N, C-alpha and C. Protein backbone atom coordinates (compact mmCIF):
# COMPACT_ATOMS: atom_id res chain seq x y z
N GLN A 1 -10.76 12.16 -42.00
CA GLN A 1 -9.52 12.27 -42.75
C GLN A 1 -9.81 12.81 -44.14
N LEU A 2 -9.10 13.86 -44.53
CA LEU A 2 -9.28 14.44 -45.85
C LEU A 2 -8.53 13.60 -46.86
N GLN A 3 -9.23 13.21 -47.91
CA GLN A 3 -8.60 12.32 -48.88
C GLN A 3 -9.12 12.59 -50.28
N LEU A 4 -8.21 12.49 -51.25
CA LEU A 4 -8.56 12.54 -52.66
C LEU A 4 -8.09 11.25 -53.31
N VAL A 5 -8.92 10.69 -54.15
CA VAL A 5 -8.56 9.45 -54.83
C VAL A 5 -8.79 9.64 -56.32
N GLU A 6 -7.70 9.51 -57.09
CA GLU A 6 -7.81 9.60 -58.55
C GLU A 6 -8.08 8.22 -59.14
N SER A 7 -8.75 8.21 -60.27
CA SER A 7 -8.98 6.98 -61.01
C SER A 7 -9.18 7.33 -62.48
N GLY A 8 -9.18 6.30 -63.31
CA GLY A 8 -9.46 6.51 -64.73
C GLY A 8 -8.26 6.45 -65.63
N GLY A 9 -7.07 6.35 -65.05
CA GLY A 9 -5.89 6.24 -65.89
C GLY A 9 -5.83 4.89 -66.58
N GLY A 10 -4.92 4.78 -67.52
CA GLY A 10 -4.75 3.52 -68.23
C GLY A 10 -3.94 3.71 -69.49
N LEU A 11 -3.98 2.69 -70.32
CA LEU A 11 -3.26 2.71 -71.60
C LEU A 11 -4.22 3.09 -72.72
N VAL A 12 -3.81 4.05 -73.53
CA VAL A 12 -4.65 4.48 -74.63
C VAL A 12 -3.74 4.77 -75.83
N GLN A 13 -4.27 4.57 -77.02
CA GLN A 13 -3.51 4.86 -78.23
C GLN A 13 -3.50 6.36 -78.51
N PRO A 14 -2.49 6.84 -79.20
CA PRO A 14 -2.50 8.26 -79.59
C PRO A 14 -3.80 8.61 -80.31
N GLY A 15 -4.35 9.74 -79.95
CA GLY A 15 -5.62 10.15 -80.50
C GLY A 15 -6.82 9.69 -79.70
N GLY A 16 -6.59 8.84 -78.74
CA GLY A 16 -7.67 8.30 -77.93
C GLY A 16 -8.07 9.21 -76.79
N SER A 17 -8.98 8.71 -75.95
CA SER A 17 -9.54 9.50 -74.86
C SER A 17 -9.56 8.73 -73.57
N LEU A 18 -9.47 9.45 -72.49
CA LEU A 18 -9.66 8.91 -71.15
C LEU A 18 -10.39 9.96 -70.33
N ARG A 19 -11.05 9.51 -69.27
CA ARG A 19 -11.63 10.45 -68.32
C ARG A 19 -11.11 10.14 -66.93
N LEU A 20 -10.40 11.08 -66.37
CA LEU A 20 -9.89 10.94 -65.02
C LEU A 20 -10.92 11.47 -64.02
N SER A 21 -10.96 10.83 -62.86
CA SER A 21 -11.85 11.25 -61.78
C SER A 21 -11.03 11.53 -60.53
N CYS A 22 -11.50 12.48 -59.77
CA CYS A 22 -10.87 12.84 -58.49
C CYS A 22 -11.98 12.91 -57.46
N ALA A 23 -12.09 11.89 -56.64
CA ALA A 23 -13.15 11.80 -55.65
C ALA A 23 -12.64 12.21 -54.28
N ALA A 24 -13.39 13.06 -53.64
CA ALA A 24 -13.01 13.56 -52.31
C ALA A 24 -13.80 12.84 -51.23
N SER A 25 -13.16 12.63 -50.11
CA SER A 25 -13.85 12.10 -48.94
C SER A 25 -13.32 12.84 -47.71
N GLY A 26 -14.19 12.98 -46.74
CA GLY A 26 -13.81 13.67 -45.52
C GLY A 26 -14.00 15.17 -45.58
N PHE A 27 -14.33 15.69 -46.75
CA PHE A 27 -14.60 17.12 -46.89
C PHE A 27 -15.38 17.32 -48.18
N SER A 28 -16.04 18.48 -48.27
CA SER A 28 -16.80 18.81 -49.46
C SER A 28 -15.96 19.70 -50.37
N LEU A 29 -16.02 19.41 -51.65
CA LEU A 29 -15.27 20.20 -52.62
C LEU A 29 -15.98 21.49 -53.01
N ASP A 30 -17.14 21.72 -52.44
CA ASP A 30 -17.98 22.84 -52.89
C ASP A 30 -17.26 24.17 -52.90
N TYR A 31 -16.41 24.44 -51.91
CA TYR A 31 -15.77 25.74 -51.82
C TYR A 31 -14.26 25.64 -51.98
N TYR A 32 -13.84 24.59 -52.67
CA TYR A 32 -12.42 24.39 -52.88
C TYR A 32 -12.05 24.68 -54.33
N ALA A 33 -10.80 24.88 -54.55
CA ALA A 33 -10.23 24.91 -55.88
C ALA A 33 -9.52 23.58 -56.08
N ILE A 34 -9.78 22.95 -57.20
CA ILE A 34 -9.21 21.63 -57.49
C ILE A 34 -8.34 21.73 -58.74
N GLY A 35 -7.15 21.25 -58.62
CA GLY A 35 -6.23 21.28 -59.75
C GLY A 35 -5.80 19.88 -60.15
N TRP A 36 -5.52 19.73 -61.43
CA TRP A 36 -4.90 18.52 -61.95
C TRP A 36 -3.46 18.86 -62.33
N PHE A 37 -2.57 17.98 -61.94
CA PHE A 37 -1.16 18.11 -62.26
C PHE A 37 -0.69 16.81 -62.90
N ARG A 38 0.42 16.86 -63.57
CA ARG A 38 1.00 15.63 -64.11
C ARG A 38 2.51 15.69 -64.02
N GLN A 39 3.09 14.51 -63.95
CA GLN A 39 4.53 14.41 -63.91
C GLN A 39 4.97 13.19 -64.71
N ALA A 40 5.73 13.45 -65.74
CA ALA A 40 6.28 12.39 -66.56
C ALA A 40 7.68 12.04 -66.04
N PRO A 41 8.14 10.83 -66.32
CA PRO A 41 9.47 10.42 -65.85
C PRO A 41 10.54 11.39 -66.30
N GLY A 42 11.37 11.85 -65.37
CA GLY A 42 12.47 12.74 -65.70
C GLY A 42 12.07 14.19 -65.93
N LYS A 43 10.79 14.49 -65.74
CA LYS A 43 10.33 15.85 -65.97
C LYS A 43 9.74 16.43 -64.69
N GLU A 44 9.68 17.74 -64.66
CA GLU A 44 9.08 18.41 -63.52
C GLU A 44 7.56 18.28 -63.55
N ARG A 45 6.98 18.34 -62.40
CA ARG A 45 5.52 18.35 -62.32
C ARG A 45 4.99 19.63 -62.96
N GLU A 46 3.89 19.50 -63.68
CA GLU A 46 3.29 20.67 -64.31
C GLU A 46 1.80 20.71 -64.03
N GLY A 47 1.29 21.92 -63.90
CA GLY A 47 -0.14 22.10 -63.74
C GLY A 47 -0.85 21.90 -65.06
N VAL A 48 -1.95 21.21 -65.04
CA VAL A 48 -2.72 20.91 -66.24
C VAL A 48 -3.98 21.75 -66.31
N SER A 49 -4.72 21.77 -65.21
CA SER A 49 -6.00 22.47 -65.22
C SER A 49 -6.43 22.73 -63.79
N CYS A 50 -7.32 23.70 -63.63
CA CYS A 50 -7.84 24.02 -62.30
C CYS A 50 -9.28 24.49 -62.44
N ILE A 51 -10.09 24.17 -61.44
CA ILE A 51 -11.46 24.65 -61.40
C ILE A 51 -11.75 25.19 -60.01
N MET A 52 -12.39 26.34 -59.99
CA MET A 52 -12.87 26.90 -58.74
C MET A 52 -14.31 26.44 -58.57
N ARG A 53 -14.58 25.59 -57.59
CA ARG A 53 -15.91 25.01 -57.48
C ARG A 53 -16.96 26.07 -57.21
N SER A 54 -16.57 27.07 -56.46
CA SER A 54 -17.48 28.18 -56.23
C SER A 54 -17.29 29.20 -57.34
N GLY A 55 -18.24 29.28 -58.22
CA GLY A 55 -18.12 30.18 -59.37
C GLY A 55 -17.84 29.46 -60.66
N GLY A 56 -17.13 28.36 -60.57
CA GLY A 56 -16.92 27.49 -61.73
C GLY A 56 -15.86 27.93 -62.71
N SER A 57 -15.05 28.93 -62.37
CA SER A 57 -14.03 29.35 -63.34
C SER A 57 -12.98 28.26 -63.50
N THR A 58 -12.44 28.19 -64.69
CA THR A 58 -11.46 27.15 -65.02
C THR A 58 -10.26 27.75 -65.72
N ASN A 59 -9.16 27.03 -65.68
CA ASN A 59 -8.02 27.41 -66.51
C ASN A 59 -7.28 26.16 -66.93
N TYR A 60 -6.49 26.28 -67.99
CA TYR A 60 -5.81 25.14 -68.60
C TYR A 60 -4.41 25.53 -69.03
N ALA A 61 -3.53 24.56 -68.98
CA ALA A 61 -2.23 24.75 -69.59
C ALA A 61 -2.40 24.85 -71.10
N ASP A 62 -1.56 25.63 -71.74
CA ASP A 62 -1.68 25.80 -73.18
C ASP A 62 -1.61 24.46 -73.91
N SER A 63 -0.85 23.54 -73.39
CA SER A 63 -0.63 22.27 -74.06
C SER A 63 -1.87 21.39 -74.10
N VAL A 64 -2.88 21.68 -73.27
CA VAL A 64 -4.07 20.84 -73.23
C VAL A 64 -5.34 21.59 -73.61
N LYS A 65 -5.24 22.87 -73.85
CA LYS A 65 -6.43 23.66 -74.20
C LYS A 65 -7.10 23.09 -75.44
N GLY A 66 -8.41 22.98 -75.35
CA GLY A 66 -9.17 22.44 -76.46
C GLY A 66 -9.26 20.93 -76.48
N ARG A 67 -8.46 20.26 -75.66
CA ARG A 67 -8.49 18.79 -75.62
C ARG A 67 -8.97 18.26 -74.27
N PHE A 68 -8.67 18.96 -73.21
CA PHE A 68 -9.07 18.55 -71.86
C PHE A 68 -10.15 19.51 -71.36
N THR A 69 -11.08 18.97 -70.57
CA THR A 69 -12.14 19.80 -70.01
C THR A 69 -12.36 19.41 -68.56
N ILE A 70 -12.14 20.32 -67.64
CA ILE A 70 -12.32 20.02 -66.23
C ILE A 70 -13.75 20.37 -65.81
N SER A 71 -14.33 19.53 -64.97
CA SER A 71 -15.69 19.78 -64.49
C SER A 71 -15.87 19.11 -63.15
N GLY A 72 -16.95 19.48 -62.46
CA GLY A 72 -17.21 18.90 -61.15
C GLY A 72 -18.65 18.48 -60.99
N ASP A 73 -18.85 17.53 -60.09
CA ASP A 73 -20.18 17.03 -59.76
C ASP A 73 -20.34 17.14 -58.26
N ASN A 74 -21.14 18.12 -57.83
CA ASN A 74 -21.29 18.34 -56.39
C ASN A 74 -21.89 17.12 -55.70
N ALA A 75 -22.88 16.51 -56.34
CA ALA A 75 -23.57 15.38 -55.72
C ALA A 75 -22.61 14.22 -55.45
N LYS A 76 -21.65 14.04 -56.33
CA LYS A 76 -20.69 12.95 -56.18
C LYS A 76 -19.39 13.41 -55.53
N ASN A 77 -19.29 14.71 -55.23
CA ASN A 77 -18.09 15.25 -54.61
C ASN A 77 -16.84 14.85 -55.39
N THR A 78 -16.96 14.99 -56.70
CA THR A 78 -15.92 14.49 -57.61
C THR A 78 -15.65 15.53 -58.69
N VAL A 79 -14.40 15.61 -59.09
CA VAL A 79 -14.00 16.44 -60.23
C VAL A 79 -13.47 15.53 -61.31
N TYR A 80 -13.81 15.87 -62.54
CA TYR A 80 -13.44 15.04 -63.68
C TYR A 80 -12.51 15.79 -64.63
N LEU A 81 -11.73 15.02 -65.35
CA LEU A 81 -10.88 15.58 -66.39
C LEU A 81 -10.96 14.68 -67.61
N PRO A 82 -11.96 14.90 -68.47
CA PRO A 82 -11.98 14.18 -69.73
C PRO A 82 -10.83 14.67 -70.61
N MET A 83 -10.11 13.72 -71.18
CA MET A 83 -8.96 14.06 -72.01
C MET A 83 -9.16 13.44 -73.39
N ASN A 84 -9.17 14.26 -74.40
CA ASN A 84 -9.36 13.81 -75.77
C ASN A 84 -8.10 14.07 -76.61
N SER A 85 -8.04 13.41 -77.74
CA SER A 85 -6.93 13.59 -78.68
C SER A 85 -5.58 13.49 -77.96
N LEU A 86 -5.43 12.43 -77.21
CA LEU A 86 -4.23 12.29 -76.40
C LEU A 86 -2.99 12.09 -77.26
N HIS A 87 -1.92 12.73 -76.84
CA HIS A 87 -0.63 12.64 -77.50
C HIS A 87 0.32 11.82 -76.63
N PRO A 88 1.35 11.25 -77.22
CA PRO A 88 2.33 10.53 -76.40
C PRO A 88 2.92 11.40 -75.29
N GLU A 89 3.04 12.69 -75.56
CA GLU A 89 3.62 13.58 -74.54
C GLU A 89 2.67 13.88 -73.39
N ASP A 90 1.42 13.40 -73.49
CA ASP A 90 0.48 13.52 -72.38
C ASP A 90 0.69 12.40 -71.34
N ALA A 91 1.49 11.42 -71.67
CA ALA A 91 1.71 10.31 -70.76
C ALA A 91 2.42 10.79 -69.50
N ALA A 92 1.86 10.43 -68.36
CA ALA A 92 2.40 10.88 -67.08
C ALA A 92 1.57 10.28 -65.96
N VAL A 93 2.02 10.48 -64.74
CA VAL A 93 1.15 10.23 -63.59
C VAL A 93 0.39 11.53 -63.34
N TYR A 94 -0.90 11.41 -63.28
CA TYR A 94 -1.77 12.55 -63.07
C TYR A 94 -2.24 12.58 -61.62
N TYR A 95 -2.15 13.75 -61.03
CA TYR A 95 -2.55 13.95 -59.64
C TYR A 95 -3.61 15.04 -59.56
N CYS A 96 -4.52 14.90 -58.61
CA CYS A 96 -5.40 16.02 -58.30
C CYS A 96 -5.05 16.54 -56.92
N ALA A 97 -5.32 17.82 -56.74
CA ALA A 97 -5.05 18.48 -55.48
C ALA A 97 -6.16 19.48 -55.20
N ALA A 98 -6.45 19.68 -53.94
CA ALA A 98 -7.51 20.61 -53.54
C ALA A 98 -7.00 21.55 -52.47
N VAL A 99 -7.49 22.76 -52.54
CA VAL A 99 -7.15 23.76 -51.52
C VAL A 99 -8.34 24.69 -51.38
N ASP A 100 -8.47 25.29 -50.22
CA ASP A 100 -9.56 26.24 -50.00
C ASP A 100 -9.58 27.26 -51.13
N GLY A 101 -10.75 27.48 -51.69
CA GLY A 101 -10.87 28.34 -52.85
C GLY A 101 -10.45 29.78 -52.62
N THR A 102 -10.41 30.21 -51.38
CA THR A 102 -10.03 31.59 -51.10
C THR A 102 -8.55 31.86 -51.38
N VAL A 103 -7.76 30.82 -51.48
CA VAL A 103 -6.33 31.04 -51.73
C VAL A 103 -5.96 30.81 -53.19
N GLY A 104 -6.94 30.51 -54.02
CA GLY A 104 -6.66 30.29 -55.43
C GLY A 104 -6.42 28.83 -55.74
N CYS A 105 -5.91 28.56 -56.92
CA CYS A 105 -5.70 27.20 -57.36
C CYS A 105 -4.52 26.56 -56.62
N PRO A 106 -4.53 25.24 -56.47
CA PRO A 106 -3.38 24.57 -55.87
C PRO A 106 -2.12 24.84 -56.68
N THR A 107 -1.00 24.90 -55.98
CA THR A 107 0.27 25.17 -56.63
C THR A 107 1.29 24.06 -56.40
N GLY A 108 1.02 23.25 -55.42
CA GLY A 108 2.00 22.23 -55.01
C GLY A 108 2.91 22.71 -53.92
N TYR A 109 2.74 23.96 -53.49
CA TYR A 109 3.63 24.53 -52.49
C TYR A 109 2.90 25.04 -51.26
N ASN A 110 1.60 24.82 -51.20
CA ASN A 110 0.82 25.28 -50.06
C ASN A 110 0.58 24.09 -49.13
N TYR A 111 1.00 24.21 -47.90
CA TYR A 111 0.90 23.09 -46.98
C TYR A 111 -0.55 22.72 -46.67
N LEU A 112 -1.46 23.60 -47.01
CA LEU A 112 -2.87 23.32 -46.76
C LEU A 112 -3.50 22.44 -47.85
N GLU A 113 -2.78 22.18 -48.91
CA GLU A 113 -3.35 21.42 -50.01
C GLU A 113 -3.49 19.94 -49.64
N VAL A 114 -4.51 19.34 -50.22
CA VAL A 114 -4.72 17.89 -50.11
C VAL A 114 -4.43 17.29 -51.47
N TRP A 115 -3.63 16.23 -51.49
CA TRP A 115 -3.23 15.61 -52.75
C TRP A 115 -3.66 14.14 -52.79
N GLY A 116 -3.96 13.68 -53.99
CA GLY A 116 -4.23 12.27 -54.19
C GLY A 116 -2.95 11.51 -54.48
N GLN A 117 -3.10 10.22 -54.71
CA GLN A 117 -1.93 9.36 -54.89
C GLN A 117 -1.50 9.24 -56.35
N GLY A 118 -2.33 9.70 -57.25
CA GLY A 118 -1.97 9.70 -58.66
C GLY A 118 -2.55 8.53 -59.42
N THR A 119 -2.73 8.73 -60.71
CA THR A 119 -3.17 7.67 -61.61
C THR A 119 -2.34 7.77 -62.89
N LEU A 120 -1.90 6.63 -63.39
CA LEU A 120 -0.97 6.60 -64.52
C LEU A 120 -1.70 6.61 -65.84
N VAL A 121 -1.29 7.51 -66.70
CA VAL A 121 -1.80 7.57 -68.07
C VAL A 121 -0.65 7.23 -69.02
N THR A 122 -0.87 6.23 -69.83
CA THR A 122 0.12 5.82 -70.83
C THR A 122 -0.49 5.99 -72.20
N VAL A 123 0.21 6.70 -73.07
CA VAL A 123 -0.27 6.92 -74.43
C VAL A 123 0.74 6.30 -75.38
N SER A 124 0.33 5.22 -75.98
CA SER A 124 1.27 4.48 -76.82
C SER A 124 0.50 3.59 -77.79
N SER A 125 1.09 3.40 -78.97
CA SER A 125 0.49 2.50 -79.93
C SER A 125 1.09 1.11 -79.80
């Protein structure tokens, strides 16, 4: 069974940091593209970042550039999203998704994508 499990969410003060993890089981992420998405209450889901495991290219939403860094660990079959200088507007449920790297980054509209269950990030003082 193909599965992604996110972890690392929690409550953090503005300006603080968290590191999200996306662990895969049932398949290897080596040739997949992995994306992080987030959805805040009452808002549409938005793409945050994506990494192509083969080649290592990355991209980021403008709102997180310079603060978030996506990376992967082949040995642990896990992708990470360290998040620094968190703002209240970063609060959301964060999801990771994976799709075969030949089709590009996950979009949320490809039936071949594998999605995790999400992890909640709360940014509040």
